[in-house]
């Protein structure tokens, strides 16, 4: 609703009829006045047409242009005439005069006829129709400025009268509604206070008649509401106390039930994930792993050649990579110490065949630290990339790997005695980017330090918060 307050609604009800009547009357008077102005202009144009016709008929008949021009000059002296044109029956201009500037004209075109009568012809008295012949045409423009000015005066007069009538009606409506509005305002104020739980609020009985009766009834209802509120609050207090005691008991039981339910859900979820992971590991081991082993065995039976060696090396790398992925999915291998031990076992044979000595130091502080499978894969990939870079580029004779706890971090370091540090930026660019990316996924810090022998030392610092038994899924 547009008018939400009592004052606005009351003022609208009282003033709307006044405004409607004033507007209707003003519009009716306006339309009549405008029509009268237009009719006056048209009537004046017709009168001028008759007068000009009478003045010029003889000179049209005689073809006297000089006299027609004098008549035109005489007519042009009138301020209301914008232009005048005398033309023959073929509409060829005989005389044409106009004012230098004019805006809008009402154009009148009047033909001039030769009635064909003379003093000796009595045919018209017998009732016969007189033959009319066109002598010429008179065209003139009657200025609309006077009518426009008159219309403007009409607009202003009607607008002023309408505004005064509306303002007078509004003032009278406001004055007559003040007493009524005062009583209604008092009722509204008290109702708002009671709605806001201030039940001791009462309405001022400042009106008369029926409105005073309404105020008295309202105050009586407020008394009843206040009394009922006191009784209700006492009952609510007692019920709330009993309910709180019941809720406390239920909360304790719900907490115990939630713990039991969460433990059951975690156990069931862990079992389902472990079963699915075991199934995937078996399928991958029996399928892809078997195919890689069979392919490697077949290629090794071929005669020795560069192609066989390349294919054998690629298949061996694929098999090592496959074992690394399988190992990261193995739940029992997700203990950090077991993960590192398995990696050492797989790398030892390869290092031994290449004549590289491996020094492996693992502190007891990293026992019983559990990882998620994805975290395990990141660590194994970092170790694999580091060892691959050393074997391919460092020309090292020894590698030292250490694992220990340093404050709140678990630190894994890999150090070689070759020249990897100077070659790393050129030879291991993409590998270093992969190592850094995987360290970010572990929320770990990675650092490369040049050793005194010219080799490179990789230091991986993993926050201890990443390791917990609860992380296994």
Protein backbone atom coordinates (compact mmCIF):
# COMPACT_ATOMS: atom_id res chain seq x y z
CA UNK A 1 0.00 0.00 0.00
CA UNK A 2 1.28 3.46 -0.93
CA UNK A 3 0.02 5.28 2.16
CA UNK A 4 1.16 3.33 5.22
CA UNK A 5 0.52 5.88 7.99
CA UNK A 6 -2.86 6.88 9.38
CA UNK A 7 -2.10 10.55 8.73
CA UNK A 8 -1.34 9.97 5.05
CA UNK A 9 -4.39 7.75 4.56
CA UNK A 10 -6.72 10.25 6.26
CA UNK A 11 -5.32 13.17 4.28
CA UNK A 12 -5.65 11.18 1.07
CA UNK A 13 -9.28 10.28 1.80
CA UNK A 14 -10.21 13.90 2.53
CA UNK A 15 -8.21 15.60 -0.20
CA UNK A 16 -8.59 13.15 -3.08
CA UNK A 17 -12.21 14.20 -3.86
CA UNK A 18 -11.24 17.88 -3.66
CA UNK A 19 -8.31 17.39 -6.02
CA UNK A 20 -10.43 15.33 -8.41
CA UNK A 21 -13.24 17.91 -8.55
CA UNK A 22 -10.80 20.81 -9.01
CA UNK A 23 -8.91 19.01 -11.76
CA UNK A 24 -12.10 17.93 -13.55
CA UNK A 25 -13.54 21.46 -13.43
CA UNK A 26 -10.24 23.03 -14.50
CA UNK A 27 -9.80 20.66 -17.43
CA UNK A 28 -13.39 21.23 -18.60
CA UNK A 29 -12.96 25.00 -18.42
CA UNK A 30 -9.57 24.73 -20.12
CA UNK A 31 -10.89 22.73 -23.08
CA UNK A 32 -13.83 25.13 -23.54
CA UNK A 33 -11.55 28.15 -23.42
CA UNK A 34 -9.12 26.65 -25.92
CA UNK A 35 -11.95 25.76 -28.31
CA UNK A 36 -13.33 29.31 -28.02
CA UNK A 37 -9.89 30.72 -28.87
CA UNK A 38 -9.57 28.47 -31.93
CA UNK A 39 -13.12 29.27 -33.07
CA UNK A 40 -12.42 33.00 -32.66
CA UNK A 41 -9.36 32.74 -34.90
CA UNK A 42 -11.27 30.78 -37.56
CA UNK A 43 -14.21 33.23 -37.44
CA UNK A 44 -11.88 36.22 -37.84
CA UNK A 45 -10.22 34.57 -40.82
CA UNK A 46 -13.58 34.00 -42.52
CA UNK A 47 -14.63 37.62 -41.91
CA UNK A 48 -11.34 38.87 -43.36
CA UNK A 49 -11.83 36.60 -46.38
CA UNK A 50 -15.24 38.15 -47.08
CA UNK A 51 -13.92 41.69 -46.62
CA UNK A 52 -10.89 41.16 -48.86
CA UNK A 53 -13.11 39.50 -51.48
CA UNK A 54 -15.45 42.50 -51.54
CA UNK A 55 -12.50 44.91 -51.86
CA UNK A 56 -10.73 43.03 -54.61
CA UNK A 57 -13.54 41.49 -56.69
CA UNK A 58 -13.83 44.43 -59.07
CA UNK A 59 -10.05 44.65 -59.62
CA UNK A 60 -9.85 40.92 -60.31
CA UNK A 61 -12.53 41.43 -62.93
CA UNK A 62 -10.70 44.37 -64.51
CA UNK A 63 -7.22 42.83 -63.99
CA UNK A 64 -5.86 45.92 -62.22
CA UNK A 65 -2.76 44.69 -60.44
CA UNK A 66 -1.84 48.10 -59.03
CA UNK A 67 -5.09 48.35 -57.12
CA UNK A 68 -4.74 44.76 -55.93
CA UNK A 69 -1.26 45.58 -54.64
CA UNK A 70 -2.63 48.63 -52.78
CA UNK A 71 -5.27 46.46 -51.16
CA UNK A 72 -2.57 43.92 -50.20
CA UNK A 73 -0.40 46.66 -48.64
CA UNK A 74 -3.39 47.93 -46.72
CA UNK A 75 -4.20 44.49 -45.38
CA UNK A 76 -0.53 43.76 -44.47
CA UNK A 77 -0.62 46.70 -42.04
CA UNK A 78 -2.63 44.49 -39.73
CA UNK A 79 -0.37 42.73 -37.18
CA UNK A 80 -2.37 39.51 -37.44
CA UNK A 81 -1.68 39.04 -41.20
CA UNK A 82 1.59 37.18 -42.00
CA UNK A 83 1.27 37.09 -45.81
CA UNK A 84 -1.25 37.66 -48.63
CA UNK A 85 -1.27 36.38 -52.19
CA UNK A 86 -3.55 37.34 -55.11
CA UNK A 87 -3.47 34.87 -58.01
CA UNK A 88 -5.45 34.38 -61.20
CA UNK A 89 -7.77 31.49 -61.88
CA UNK A 90 -4.77 29.39 -62.96
CA UNK A 91 -3.06 30.14 -59.66
CA UNK A 92 -0.42 32.36 -61.21
CA UNK A 93 0.66 34.98 -58.67
CA UNK A 94 -0.52 38.51 -59.34
CA UNK A 95 0.52 40.06 -56.01
CA UNK A 96 2.42 38.47 -53.12
CA UNK A 97 3.46 40.23 -49.91
CA UNK A 98 4.74 38.75 -46.63
CA UNK A 99 6.33 39.83 -43.41
CA UNK A 100 10.02 39.20 -42.90
CA UNK A 101 9.61 36.76 -39.98
CA UNK A 102 6.66 34.76 -38.86
CA UNK A 103 6.39 31.42 -37.08
CA UNK A 104 3.02 29.77 -37.58
CA UNK A 105 -0.02 30.84 -39.58
CA UNK A 106 -3.54 29.63 -40.15
CA UNK A 107 -3.94 29.69 -43.96
CA UNK A 108 -7.19 30.71 -45.66
CA UNK A 109 -7.78 30.25 -49.38
CA UNK A 110 -10.82 32.00 -50.93
CA UNK A 111 -11.79 31.91 -54.61
CA UNK A 112 -13.16 35.08 -56.22
CA UNK A 113 -16.14 34.48 -58.56
CA UNK A 114 -17.68 36.50 -61.38
CA UNK A 115 -21.40 36.33 -60.62
CA UNK A 116 -22.23 37.05 -64.26
CA UNK A 117 -25.03 39.56 -63.50
CA UNK A 118 -25.83 42.99 -64.94
CA UNK A 119 -28.55 45.61 -64.62
CA UNK A 120 -30.55 44.34 -67.63
CA UNK A 121 -30.55 40.66 -66.67
CA UNK A 122 -33.61 39.58 -64.69
CA UNK A 123 -33.06 35.85 -65.02
CA UNK A 124 -32.13 35.60 -61.33
CA UNK A 125 -35.55 37.00 -60.38
CA UNK A 126 -37.14 34.11 -62.20
CA UNK A 127 -35.37 31.64 -59.95
CA UNK A 128 -32.73 30.50 -62.43
CA UNK A 129 -29.26 29.65 -61.14
CA UNK A 130 -26.64 32.30 -61.81
CA UNK A 131 -23.55 31.09 -63.60
CA UNK A 132 -20.36 31.67 -61.54
CA UNK A 133 -16.96 32.00 -63.14
CA UNK A 134 -13.69 32.01 -61.18
CA UNK A 135 -11.75 35.25 -61.51
CA UNK A 136 -8.88 34.41 -59.16
CA UNK A 137 -7.87 33.28 -55.68
CA UNK A 138 -7.02 35.05 -52.44
CA UNK A 139 -4.64 33.27 -50.04
CA UNK A 140 -3.52 34.77 -46.75
CA UNK A 141 -2.01 33.59 -43.48
CA UNK A 142 -3.54 34.65 -40.19
CA UNK A 143 -0.94 34.71 -37.35
CA UNK A 144 -1.50 32.33 -34.44
CA UNK A 145 0.56 34.43 -32.03
CA UNK A 146 -2.47 36.21 -30.62
CA UNK A 147 -4.25 32.89 -30.08
CA UNK A 148 -1.10 31.39 -28.60
CA UNK A 149 -0.78 34.29 -26.16
CA UNK A 150 -4.42 33.96 -25.25
CA UNK A 151 -3.99 30.23 -24.63
CA UNK A 152 -0.98 30.90 -22.41
CA UNK A 153 -3.02 33.33 -20.35
CA UNK A 154 -5.75 30.69 -20.08
CA UNK A 155 -3.22 28.04 -18.95
CA UNK A 156 -1.76 30.30 -16.30
CA UNK A 157 -5.13 31.47 -15.00
CA UNK A 158 -6.54 27.94 -14.73
CA UNK A 159 -3.31 26.59 -13.19
CA UNK A 160 -3.26 29.31 -10.53
CA UNK A 161 -6.92 28.80 -9.69
CA UNK A 162 -6.49 25.00 -9.49
CA UNK A 163 -3.40 25.24 -7.27
CA UNK A 164 -5.07 27.70 -4.93
CA UNK A 165 -8.14 25.46 -4.70
CA UNK A 166 -6.03 22.37 -3.98
CA UNK A 167 -3.89 24.16 -1.39
CA UNK A 168 -6.99 25.54 0.28
CA UNK A 169 -8.55 22.08 0.41
CA UNK A 170 -5.35 20.57 1.85
CA UNK A 171 -5.14 23.22 4.56
CA UNK A 172 -8.79 22.73 5.54
CA UNK A 173 -8.37 18.93 5.57
CA UNK A 174 -5.28 19.23 7.76
CA UNK A 175 -6.94 21.60 10.22
CA UNK A 176 -10.09 19.49 10.55
CA UNK A 177 -8.11 16.22 10.94
CA UNK A 178 -5.66 17.40 13.63
CA UNK A 179 -7.79 16.35 16.58
CA UNK A 180 -8.59 12.99 15.04
CA UNK A 181 -4.93 12.42 14.16
CA UNK A 182 -3.83 13.30 17.70
CA UNK A 183 -6.00 10.56 19.18
CA UNK A 184 -4.95 8.01 16.55
CA UNK A 185 -1.28 8.90 17.03
CA UNK A 186 -1.60 8.26 20.78
CA UNK A 187 -3.16 4.87 20.05
CA UNK A 188 -0.42 3.99 17.57
CA UNK A 189 2.40 5.02 19.96
CA UNK A 190 0.97 2.88 22.78
CA UNK A 191 0.41 -0.10 20.46
CA UNK A 192 4.05 0.05 19.29
CA UNK A 193 5.30 0.12 22.89
CA UNK A 194 3.15 -2.86 23.87
CA UNK A 195 4.36 -4.73 20.78
CA UNK A 196 7.91 -4.08 22.07
CA UNK A 197 7.01 -5.87 25.36
CA UNK A 198 6.50 -2.63 27.33
CA UNK A 199 3.20 -3.76 28.85
CA UNK A 200 2.98 -0.85 31.33
CA UNK A 201 2.37 1.63 28.49
CA UNK A 202 -1.10 3.26 28.35
CA UNK A 203 -2.80 5.46 25.77
CA UNK A 204 -3.59 9.13 26.54
CA UNK A 205 -7.38 9.56 26.60
CA UNK A 206 -7.27 12.90 24.82
CA UNK A 207 -10.09 12.49 22.26
CA UNK A 208 -13.85 12.62 22.37
CA UNK A 209 -16.81 10.59 21.21
CA UNK A 210 -16.21 7.16 19.69
CA UNK A 211 -12.43 7.63 19.50
CA UNK A 212 -12.32 8.26 23.28
CA UNK A 213 -14.27 5.03 23.80
CA UNK A 214 -11.74 3.17 21.65
CA UNK A 215 -8.87 4.59 23.75
CA UNK A 216 -10.55 3.48 26.99
CA UNK A 217 -11.13 -0.04 25.64
CA UNK A 218 -7.50 -0.17 24.45
CA UNK A 219 -6.21 0.72 27.94
CA UNK A 220 -8.45 -1.93 29.50
CA UNK A 221 -7.03 -4.52 27.08
CA UNK A 222 -3.49 -3.39 27.95
CA UNK A 223 -4.23 -4.01 31.66
CA UNK A 224 -5.37 -7.54 30.87
CA UNK A 225 -2.33 -8.20 28.68
CA UNK A 226 0.05 -7.02 31.42
CA UNK A 227 -1.58 -9.32 33.99
CA UNK A 228 -1.52 -12.30 31.64
CA UNK A 229 2.12 -11.58 30.79
CA UNK A 230 3.11 -11.87 34.45
CA UNK A 231 1.34 -15.23 34.81
CA UNK A 232 2.80 -16.48 31.52
CA UNK A 233 6.35 -15.47 32.43
CA UNK A 234 6.13 -17.46 35.69
CA UNK A 235 4.97 -20.54 33.84
CA UNK A 236 7.62 -20.11 31.16
CA UNK A 237 10.34 -19.81 33.79
CA UNK A 238 9.28 -23.06 35.43
CA UNK A 239 8.96 -24.87 32.08
CA UNK A 240 12.31 -23.53 30.88
CA UNK A 241 14.07 -24.74 34.00
CA UNK A 242 12.66 -28.24 33.57
CA UNK A 243 13.44 -28.23 29.87
CA UNK A 244 17.04 -27.14 30.41
CA UNK A 245 17.61 -30.00 32.82
CA UNK A 246 16.22 -32.45 30.27
CA UNK A 247 18.29 -30.91 27.47
CA UNK A 248 21.47 -31.20 29.53
CA UNK A 249 20.87 -34.90 30.03
CA UNK A 250 20.06 -35.41 26.36
CA UNK A 251 23.13 -33.43 25.31
CA UNK A 252 25.41 -35.67 27.31
CA UNK A 253 23.86 -38.77 25.75
CA UNK A 254 23.99 -37.22 22.26
CA UNK A 255 27.68 -36.43 22.67
CA UNK A 256 28.40 -40.04 23.58
CA UNK A 257 26.28 -41.28 20.66
CA UNK A 258 28.04 -38.89 18.26
CA UNK A 259 31.45 -40.11 19.32
CA UNK A 260 30.39 -43.71 18.88
CA UNK A 261 28.81 -42.98 15.50
CA UNK A 262 31.86 -41.05 14.24
CA UNK A 263 34.16 -43.87 15.29
CA UNK A 264 31.96 -46.37 13.48
CA UNK A 265 31.84 -44.21 10.34
CA UNK A 266 35.62 -43.72 10.35
CA UNK A 267 36.24 -47.43 10.81
CA UNK A 268 33.81 -48.34 8.04
CA UNK A 269 35.21 -45.70 5.74
CA UNK A 270 38.80 -46.70 6.40
CA UNK A 271 37.96 -50.34 5.78
CA UNK A 272 36.15 -49.55 2.52
CA UNK A 273 39.01 -47.36 1.28
CA UNK A 274 41.61 -49.93 2.32
CA UNK A 275 39.69 -52.73 0.57
CA UNK A 276 39.36 -50.68 -2.62
CA UNK A 277 43.01 -49.68 -2.51
CA UNK A 278 44.05 -53.32 -2.04
CA UNK A 279 41.91 -54.35 -5.00
CA UNK A 280 43.42 -51.64 -7.23
CA UNK A 281 46.95 -52.59 -6.12
CA UNK A 282 46.32 -56.26 -6.94
CA UNK A 283 44.82 -55.44 -10.34
CA UNK A 284 47.70 -53.12 -11.19
CA UNK A 285 50.31 -55.57 -9.88
CA UNK A 286 48.87 -58.58 -11.67
CA UNK A 287 47.99 -56.70 -14.86
CA UNK A 288 50.36 -53.84 -15.69
CA UNK A 289 53.18 -55.14 -13.49
CA UNK A 290 53.03 -58.60 -15.03
CA UNK A 291 53.04 -57.13 -18.54
CA UNK A 292 56.09 -54.95 -17.77
CA UNK A 293 58.01 -57.87 -16.24
CA UNK A 294 57.12 -60.13 -19.18
CA UNK A 295 58.13 -57.46 -21.70
CA UNK A 296 61.43 -56.87 -19.91
CA UNK A 297 62.14 -60.61 -19.86
CA UNK A 298 61.42 -60.95 -23.59
CA UNK A 299 63.58 -58.01 -24.59
CA UNK A 300 66.52 -59.30 -22.54
CA UNK A 301 66.44 -62.54 -24.57
CA UNK A 302 67.15 -60.60 -27.76
CA UNK A 303 70.65 -60.16 -29.11
CA UNK A 304 72.65 -57.34 -27.58
CA UNK A 305 72.19 -54.08 -29.41
CA UNK A 306 71.73 -50.38 -28.74
CA UNK A 307 67.97 -50.66 -29.44
CA UNK A 308 67.62 -53.58 -27.02
CA UNK A 309 69.55 -51.74 -24.35
CA UNK A 310 67.42 -48.61 -24.78
CA UNK A 311 64.16 -50.55 -24.67
CA UNK A 312 65.38 -52.58 -21.69
CA UNK A 313 66.36 -49.39 -19.85
CA UNK A 314 62.95 -47.76 -20.59
CA UNK A 315 61.06 -50.87 -19.42
CA UNK A 316 63.17 -51.08 -16.28
CA UNK A 317 62.46 -47.41 -15.55
CA UNK A 318 58.74 -47.97 -16.10
CA UNK A 319 58.83 -50.97 -13.79
CA UNK A 320 60.63 -48.94 -11.08
CA UNK A 321 58.13 -46.12 -11.48
CA UNK A 322 55.24 -48.59 -11.31
CA UNK A 323 56.66 -50.12 -8.13
CA UNK A 324 57.00 -46.63 -6.65
CA UNK A 325 53.29 -45.90 -7.31
CA UNK A 326 52.21 -49.29 -5.92
CA UNK A 327 54.33 -48.73 -2.84
CA UNK A 328 52.73 -45.29 -2.23
CA UNK A 329 49.26 -46.91 -2.32
CA UNK A 330 50.25 -49.61 0.13
CA UNK A 331 48.71 -48.72 3.51
CA UNK A 332 51.33 -50.64 5.44
CA UNK A 333 54.06 -48.72 3.63
CA UNK A 334 52.63 -45.32 4.51
CA UNK A 335 54.78 -45.17 7.61
CA UNK A 336 57.66 -42.80 6.77
CA UNK A 337 60.39 -45.14 8.03
CA UNK A 338 59.00 -48.08 5.99
CA UNK A 339 58.61 -45.87 2.92
CA UNK A 340 62.26 -44.75 3.07
CA UNK A 341 63.50 -48.27 3.82
CA UNK A 342 61.75 -49.66 0.74
CA UNK A 343 63.17 -46.86 -1.41
CA UNK A 344 66.68 -47.63 -0.10
CA UNK A 345 66.24 -51.32 -0.94
CA UNK A 346 65.21 -50.57 -4.52
CA UNK A 347 68.00 -48.03 -5.11
CA UNK A 348 70.81 -50.05 -3.47
CA UNK A 349 71.13 -52.59 -6.28
CA UNK A 350 71.22 -49.93 -8.96
CA UNK A 351 73.83 -47.84 -7.08
CA UNK A 352 75.91 -50.93 -6.41
CA UNK A 353 75.93 -51.86 -10.11
CA UNK A 354 77.16 -48.33 -10.92
CA UNK A 355 79.88 -48.39 -8.26
CA UNK A 356 78.32 -45.60 -6.18
CA UNK A 357 78.54 -45.91 -2.40
CA UNK A 358 75.33 -45.14 -0.45
CA UNK A 359 75.42 -43.83 3.12
CA UNK A 360 71.95 -44.13 4.69
CA UNK A 361 71.21 -42.60 8.11
CA UNK A 362 67.67 -42.71 9.55
CA UNK A 363 66.90 -41.41 13.05
CA UNK A 364 64.48 -43.23 15.34
CA UNK A 365 62.46 -40.03 15.74
CA UNK A 366 60.79 -40.64 12.35
CA UNK A 367 59.27 -43.97 13.39
CA UNK A 368 55.48 -44.19 13.63
CA UNK A 369 54.92 -41.16 11.42
CA UNK A 370 52.03 -41.84 9.03
CA UNK A 371 51.29 -40.28 5.64
CA UNK A 372 48.47 -40.17 3.16
CA UNK A 373 49.07 -42.06 -0.10
CA UNK A 374 49.37 -38.82 -2.11
CA UNK A 375 51.92 -37.46 0.38
CA UNK A 376 53.87 -40.70 0.14
CA UNK A 377 53.92 -40.40 -3.65
CA UNK A 378 55.20 -36.80 -3.47
CA UNK A 379 58.08 -37.81 -1.15
CA UNK A 380 59.03 -40.83 -3.28
CA UNK A 381 58.94 -38.70 -6.46
CA UNK A 382 61.23 -36.09 -4.87
CA UNK A 383 63.68 -38.80 -3.79
CA UNK A 384 63.47 -40.48 -7.20
CA UNK A 385 64.10 -37.19 -9.06
CA UNK A 386 67.01 -36.29 -6.79
CA UNK A 387 68.72 -39.68 -7.21
CA UNK A 388 68.06 -39.71 -10.98
CA UNK A 389 69.72 -36.30 -11.37
CA UNK A 390 72.73 -37.44 -9.38
CA UNK A 391 73.11 -40.66 -11.40
CA UNK A 392 72.68 -38.91 -14.77
CA UNK A 393 74.62 -35.69 -14.27
CA UNK A 394 76.67 -35.50 -11.06
CA UNK A 395 79.43 -38.11 -11.83
CA UNK A 396 79.43 -38.79 -8.10
CA UNK A 397 81.07 -41.73 -6.34
CA UNK A 398 79.05 -41.44 -3.14
CA UNK A 399 75.59 -40.37 -1.94
CA UNK A 400 74.62 -39.62 1.63
CA UNK A 401 70.95 -39.69 2.70
CA UNK A 402 69.83 -38.57 6.19
CA UNK A 403 66.42 -38.45 7.89
CA UNK A 404 65.81 -36.89 11.31
CA UNK A 405 63.57 -34.56 13.29
CA UNK A 406 64.63 -30.92 13.61
CA UNK A 407 62.31 -28.98 15.93
CA UNK A 408 58.80 -29.08 14.44
CA UNK A 409 60.01 -30.39 11.06
CA UNK A 410 61.06 -33.75 9.67
CA UNK A 411 64.18 -33.13 7.57
CA UNK A 412 65.31 -35.40 4.72
CA UNK A 413 68.65 -34.51 3.09
CA UNK A 414 70.40 -36.02 0.04
CA UNK A 415 74.05 -35.09 -0.62
CA UNK A 416 76.41 -36.11 -3.43
CA UNK A 417 80.15 -35.61 -3.86
CA UNK A 418 79.98 -34.88 -7.59
CA UNK A 419 79.38 -31.66 -9.54
CA UNK A 420 75.54 -31.63 -9.69
CA UNK A 421 75.21 -28.16 -8.15
CA UNK A 422 76.99 -26.45 -11.07
CA UNK A 423 75.10 -28.51 -13.67
CA UNK A 424 71.63 -28.42 -12.08
CA UNK A 425 70.31 -25.25 -13.66
CA UNK A 426 71.26 -26.41 -17.18
CA UNK A 427 70.62 -30.16 -16.94
CA UNK A 428 67.91 -30.53 -14.33
CA UNK A 429 65.69 -27.50 -14.90
CA UNK A 430 62.35 -29.30 -15.35
CA UNK A 431 63.24 -31.84 -12.66
CA UNK A 432 63.95 -29.05 -10.16
CA UNK A 433 60.59 -27.43 -11.00
CA UNK A 434 58.85 -30.76 -10.34
CA UNK A 435 60.66 -31.13 -7.02
CA UNK A 436 59.67 -27.62 -5.93
CA UNK A 437 56.04 -28.16 -6.98
CA UNK A 438 55.78 -31.41 -5.00
CA UNK A 439 57.36 -29.70 -1.97
CA UNK A 440 54.62 -27.04 -2.16
CA UNK A 441 51.96 -29.76 -2.22
CA UNK A 442 53.48 -31.13 0.99
CA UNK A 443 53.59 -27.63 2.55
CA UNK A 444 57.32 -28.31 2.87
CA UNK A 445 60.44 -26.19 2.33
CA UNK A 446 63.04 -27.24 -0.27
CA UNK A 447 66.60 -25.96 -0.31
CA UNK A 448 69.70 -26.66 -2.46
CA UNK A 449 73.16 -26.04 -0.93
CA UNK A 450 76.57 -26.38 -2.53
CA UNK A 451 78.85 -28.64 -0.50
CA UNK A 452 82.53 -28.08 0.16
CA UNK A 453 83.36 -30.85 -2.35
CA UNK A 454 81.42 -29.08 -5.10
CA UNK A 455 78.41 -31.37 -4.92
CA UNK A 456 74.81 -30.52 -4.15
CA UNK A 457 72.83 -31.06 -0.96
CA UNK A 458 69.04 -31.21 -1.16
CA UNK A 459 67.25 -30.45 2.13
CA UNK A 460 63.50 -31.22 2.37
CA UNK A 461 61.83 -29.89 5.55
CA UNK A 462 58.32 -31.29 6.09
CA UNK A 463 56.14 -29.92 8.93
CA UNK A 464 55.47 -32.58 11.55
CA UNK A 465 51.79 -31.65 11.42
CA UNK A 466 51.59 -33.48 8.07
CA UNK A 467 52.31 -36.78 9.83
CA UNK A 468 49.62 -38.44 11.94
CA UNK A 469 47.80 -41.71 12.05
CA UNK A 470 44.50 -39.94 11.33
CA UNK A 471 45.82 -38.85 7.90
CA UNK A 472 45.62 -42.39 6.52
CA UNK A 473 42.55 -42.85 4.32
